[in-house]
Protein backbone atom coordinates (compact mmCIF):
# COMPACT_ATOMS: atom_id res chain seq x y z
CA UNK A 1 147.29 140.12 151.14
CA UNK A 2 149.02 137.37 149.82
CA UNK A 3 147.30 134.33 148.64
CA UNK A 4 148.38 131.11 147.22
CA UNK A 5 145.69 128.39 146.05
CA UNK A 6 146.73 125.07 144.55
CA UNK A 7 144.46 123.08 142.67
CA UNK A 8 144.52 120.10 140.11
CA UNK A 9 145.25 117.33 142.41
CA UNK A 10 143.48 114.04 142.62
CA UNK A 11 143.85 110.60 141.78
CA UNK A 12 146.22 108.97 139.15
CA UNK A 13 147.28 105.63 138.05
CA UNK A 14 151.05 104.84 137.98
CA UNK A 15 152.65 106.20 134.94
CA UNK A 16 149.72 108.59 134.69
CA UNK A 17 149.92 112.50 134.50
CA UNK A 18 148.28 115.23 136.57
CA UNK A 19 148.88 119.11 136.30
CA UNK A 20 149.02 121.35 139.51
CA UNK A 21 148.07 124.99 139.08
CA UNK A 22 148.98 127.79 141.78
CA UNK A 23 147.09 130.82 141.49
CA UNK A 24 148.66 133.77 143.01
CA UNK A 25 147.34 137.28 144.18
CA UNK A 26 148.43 139.89 146.44
CA UNK A 27 151.75 140.46 145.26
CA UNK A 28 153.81 141.21 141.97
CA UNK A 29 154.02 137.43 140.83
CA UNK A 30 156.44 138.56 138.07
CA UNK A 31 159.12 139.54 140.38
CA UNK A 32 159.24 136.29 142.78
CA UNK A 33 160.78 132.81 142.43
CA UNK A 34 158.44 130.28 143.07
CA UNK A 35 158.63 126.49 144.18
CA UNK A 36 156.60 123.29 144.52
CA UNK A 37 157.03 121.19 147.40
CA UNK A 38 155.65 117.96 149.11
CA UNK A 39 155.04 116.43 152.00
CA UNK A 40 153.73 112.73 152.82
CA UNK A 41 151.96 111.87 156.16
CA UNK A 42 154.37 111.82 159.06
CA UNK A 43 157.23 113.32 157.23
CA UNK A 44 158.92 116.33 156.71
CA UNK A 45 158.47 118.91 153.53
CA UNK A 46 160.31 117.90 150.20
CA UNK A 47 161.26 120.61 148.24
CA UNK A 48 160.48 119.20 144.62
CA UNK A 49 160.93 122.10 141.69
CA UNK A 50 161.48 125.76 141.65
CA UNK A 51 161.45 128.74 138.95
CA UNK A 52 163.06 132.01 138.46
CA UNK A 53 160.76 134.82 138.66
CA UNK A 54 160.84 135.40 134.92
CA UNK A 55 160.85 131.78 134.42
CA UNK A 56 164.32 131.46 132.74
CA UNK A 57 165.51 128.85 134.72
CA UNK A 58 163.94 125.79 136.43
CA UNK A 59 165.31 123.04 139.03
CA UNK A 60 164.04 120.01 140.11
CA UNK A 61 164.74 117.54 142.71
CA UNK A 62 166.49 114.27 141.71
CA UNK A 63 163.45 112.11 142.51
CA UNK A 64 161.26 114.14 139.84
CA UNK A 65 164.01 115.11 137.17
CA UNK A 66 162.93 114.01 133.85
CA UNK A 67 159.21 113.32 134.96
CA UNK A 68 157.94 116.60 136.18
CA UNK A 69 157.93 120.24 134.49
CA UNK A 70 157.45 123.65 136.16
CA UNK A 71 156.33 126.78 134.52
CA UNK A 72 155.06 130.14 135.11
CA UNK A 73 152.43 132.61 133.47
CA UNK A 74 153.26 135.76 134.76
CA UNK A 75 150.78 137.42 132.91
CA UNK A 76 147.96 135.32 134.73
CA UNK A 77 149.84 135.04 137.86
CA UNK A 78 149.79 130.94 137.66
CA UNK A 79 152.59 128.84 138.58
CA UNK A 80 152.07 125.13 137.02
CA UNK A 81 153.56 121.54 137.78
CA UNK A 82 153.03 119.08 135.08
CA UNK A 83 153.67 115.56 136.69
CA UNK A 84 154.18 112.57 134.07
CA UNK A 85 155.01 109.02 134.56
CA UNK A 86 153.75 109.47 138.22
CA UNK A 87 154.83 106.87 140.91
CA UNK A 88 153.19 105.94 143.94
CA UNK A 89 155.77 107.64 146.10
CA UNK A 90 154.73 110.77 144.19
CA UNK A 91 151.59 110.67 146.26
CA UNK A 92 151.65 113.67 149.23
CA UNK A 93 150.33 116.78 149.57
CA UNK A 94 151.84 119.47 147.31
CA UNK A 95 152.29 122.91 148.20
CA UNK A 96 153.32 125.98 146.11
CA UNK A 97 155.42 128.72 147.76
CA UNK A 98 156.62 132.25 147.13
CA UNK A 99 160.28 133.43 147.67
CA UNK A 100 160.73 135.89 150.37
CA UNK A 101 162.98 138.27 148.55
CA UNK A 102 162.37 139.55 144.84
CA UNK A 103 164.41 138.53 142.11
CA UNK A 104 166.04 136.16 144.15
CA UNK A 105 166.20 132.34 143.54
CA UNK A 106 166.61 129.69 146.56
CA UNK A 107 165.60 126.20 147.45
CA UNK A 108 165.62 126.68 151.01
CA UNK A 109 162.26 126.54 152.87
CA UNK A 110 163.04 129.22 155.27
CA UNK A 111 163.66 131.56 152.54
CA UNK A 112 160.00 131.25 151.38
CA UNK A 113 157.63 133.33 153.25
CA UNK A 114 153.94 132.21 151.80
CA UNK A 115 152.61 128.66 151.11
CA UNK A 116 149.41 127.70 149.72
CA UNK A 117 146.90 125.26 151.55
CA UNK A 118 148.18 122.29 149.52
CA UNK A 119 146.43 119.86 146.96
CA UNK A 120 146.40 116.12 147.19
CA UNK A 121 147.99 114.05 144.77
CA UNK A 122 147.06 110.05 145.04
CA UNK A 123 148.84 107.90 142.88
CA UNK A 124 147.31 104.49 142.94
CA UNK A 125 146.12 101.23 140.97
């Protein structure tokens, strides 16, 4: 049974930093690309960043490029998102997601089959 559990959200000031974690279980983590997405109240889910199964390549939305860093620890089945230079618009709920197919990278939401419950990030002074 696949489980994805995000943590690390909270309150940060503009310009501050937070590090999100996603603990994965129930599947062979090292075989699957993973992504982070976020969703503000009343808006659709926005893809933020993705990483290959072996961590060799990372991709970012233009809105976070240069500020966020995605990484993974395959030995400990954990995905991370280091968020620096936070802005108020970085505020929404953040989700991690598992790609549906092994060794296949995608940024399409429909090609991710499991999502965590989300962790709230609030950027405010």
